[in-house]
Amino acid sequence: MVDTAVDRKPKSGRPLRRLHNVGENPVVMMLADHYSEDWETLWWVRADEKAAILTGQRQMAEPLRSPADRYWRYREAPTGPVLAMTAGRRTGWSGARADRSGARAD
């Protein structure tokens, strides 16, 4: 599970579009990558997940505990909701595992 909190940064006063989008369609995608001139160290990973918007204090307590322990900015709970994403399909690629054409070498 991956959780992300809406923090205290100034917003435009309107509800965040990403919260609206998740409310309309809870299917989300997360992408992480690393770029380098050295193709052997390139990689990316994609996670297709389902998201939920947590707004209650009890619901948000556990997801906020870990970042509060690690990051001083989260010691005061964020005023906004938490997006909780549950694991789904994972795909990825690594240059270290590819042949010279870029195809996976599994």
Protein backbone atom coordinates (compact mmCIF):
# COMPACT_ATOMS: atom_id res chain seq x y z
CA MET A 1 0.00 0.00 0.00
CA VAL A 2 1.18 3.52 -0.80
CA ASP A 3 -0.26 6.53 1.00
CA THR A 4 0.17 10.21 0.25
CA ALA A 5 -1.12 13.10 2.35
CA VAL A 6 -2.40 16.46 1.22
CA ASP A 7 -0.13 18.81 3.15
CA ARG A 8 -0.41 22.41 4.32
CA LYS A 9 0.98 24.07 1.17
CA PRO A 10 -1.11 27.00 -0.02
CA LYS A 11 -3.63 25.91 -2.60
CA SER A 12 -5.82 27.96 -4.89
CA GLY A 13 -8.80 27.56 -2.56
CA ARG A 14 -10.47 25.11 -4.94
CA PRO A 15 -10.58 21.37 -4.25
CA LEU A 16 -7.57 19.61 -5.75
CA ARG A 17 -8.21 18.13 -9.16
CA ARG A 18 -6.49 14.84 -8.27
CA LEU A 19 -8.92 14.34 -5.37
CA HIS A 20 -11.85 15.02 -7.68
CA ASN A 21 -10.45 12.59 -10.24
CA VAL A 22 -9.95 9.81 -7.67
CA GLY A 23 -13.48 10.38 -6.39
CA GLU A 24 -14.79 9.93 -9.93
CA ASN A 25 -12.52 7.03 -10.90
CA PRO A 26 -10.37 5.29 -8.25
CA VAL A 27 -8.08 3.62 -10.81
CA VAL A 28 -4.65 5.30 -10.55
CA MET A 29 -1.16 4.74 -11.92
CA MET A 30 2.15 5.55 -10.27
CA LEU A 31 5.40 5.73 -12.22
CA ALA A 32 8.96 5.96 -10.93
CA ASP A 33 12.07 6.04 -13.06
CA HIS A 34 15.79 6.68 -13.02
CA TYR A 35 17.58 8.27 -15.97
CA SER A 36 21.28 8.14 -16.65
CA GLU A 37 23.57 8.42 -19.67
CA ASP A 38 24.68 4.90 -18.73
CA TRP A 39 21.95 2.64 -20.13
CA GLU A 40 22.96 -0.13 -17.77
CA THR A 41 21.56 1.93 -14.88
CA LEU A 42 18.27 3.03 -16.49
CA TRP A 43 15.07 1.65 -14.99
CA TRP A 44 11.36 2.34 -14.58
CA VAL A 45 8.54 0.76 -12.64
CA ARG A 46 4.79 1.30 -13.03
CA ALA A 47 2.07 0.36 -10.54
CA ASP A 48 -1.59 0.24 -11.53
CA GLU A 49 -3.60 0.61 -8.34
CA LYS A 50 -6.96 1.48 -6.77
CA ALA A 51 -7.08 4.60 -4.61
CA ALA A 52 -9.35 5.66 -1.77
CA ILE A 53 -9.68 9.08 -0.17
CA LEU A 54 -9.35 8.85 3.62
CA THR A 55 -10.78 11.79 5.57
CA GLY A 56 -11.54 10.54 9.08
CA GLN A 57 -8.99 10.98 11.89
CA ARG A 58 -9.01 7.24 12.65
CA GLN A 59 -8.63 6.33 8.96
CA MET A 60 -5.73 8.75 8.51
CA ALA A 61 -3.87 7.93 11.76
CA GLU A 62 -1.98 4.84 10.58
CA PRO A 63 -0.95 6.14 7.12
CA LEU A 64 0.38 9.35 8.73
CA ARG A 65 2.33 7.61 11.49
CA SER A 66 5.28 6.53 9.34
CA PRO A 67 5.96 9.88 7.64
CA ALA A 68 5.54 11.68 10.99
CA ASP A 69 8.28 9.47 12.44
CA ARG A 70 10.63 10.25 9.53
CA TYR A 71 9.84 13.82 8.43
CA TRP A 72 9.44 16.79 10.75
CA ARG A 73 6.91 18.45 8.41
CA TYR A 74 4.43 15.68 9.12
CA ARG A 75 4.68 15.94 12.92
CA GLU A 76 1.58 18.13 12.73
CA ALA A 77 -1.03 16.14 10.82
CA PRO A 78 -1.88 17.51 7.37
CA THR A 79 -5.21 19.26 7.18
CA GLY A 80 -6.27 17.51 4.01
CA PRO A 81 -7.16 13.92 3.29
CA VAL A 82 -4.89 10.94 2.63
CA LEU A 83 -4.88 9.10 -0.69
CA ALA A 84 -4.48 5.39 0.08
CA MET A 85 -3.48 3.27 -2.89
CA THR A 86 -3.64 -0.51 -2.80
CA ALA A 87 -1.25 -2.64 -4.78
CA GLY A 88 -2.28 -3.85 -8.18
CA ARG A 89 -0.39 -4.84 -11.30
CA ARG A 90 3.31 -3.96 -11.44
CA THR A 91 5.43 -3.69 -14.57
CA GLY A 92 8.95 -2.41 -15.14
CA TRP A 93 12.15 -2.41 -17.11
CA SER A 94 15.83 -2.21 -16.30
CA GLY A 95 18.69 -1.49 -18.68
CA ALA A 96 20.84 -3.94 -16.76
CA ARG A 97 18.45 -6.73 -17.77
CA ALA A 98 18.20 -5.82 -21.48
CA ASP A 99 20.15 -6.90 -24.52
CA ARG A 100 21.63 -4.28 -26.87
CA SER A 101 18.38 -3.84 -28.82
CA GLY A 102 16.60 -2.73 -25.63
CA ALA A 103 14.46 -5.88 -25.40
CA ARG A 104 14.20 -7.57 -22.03
CA ALA A 105 16.72 -10.35 -21.54
CA ASP A 106 14.78 -12.52 -19.09
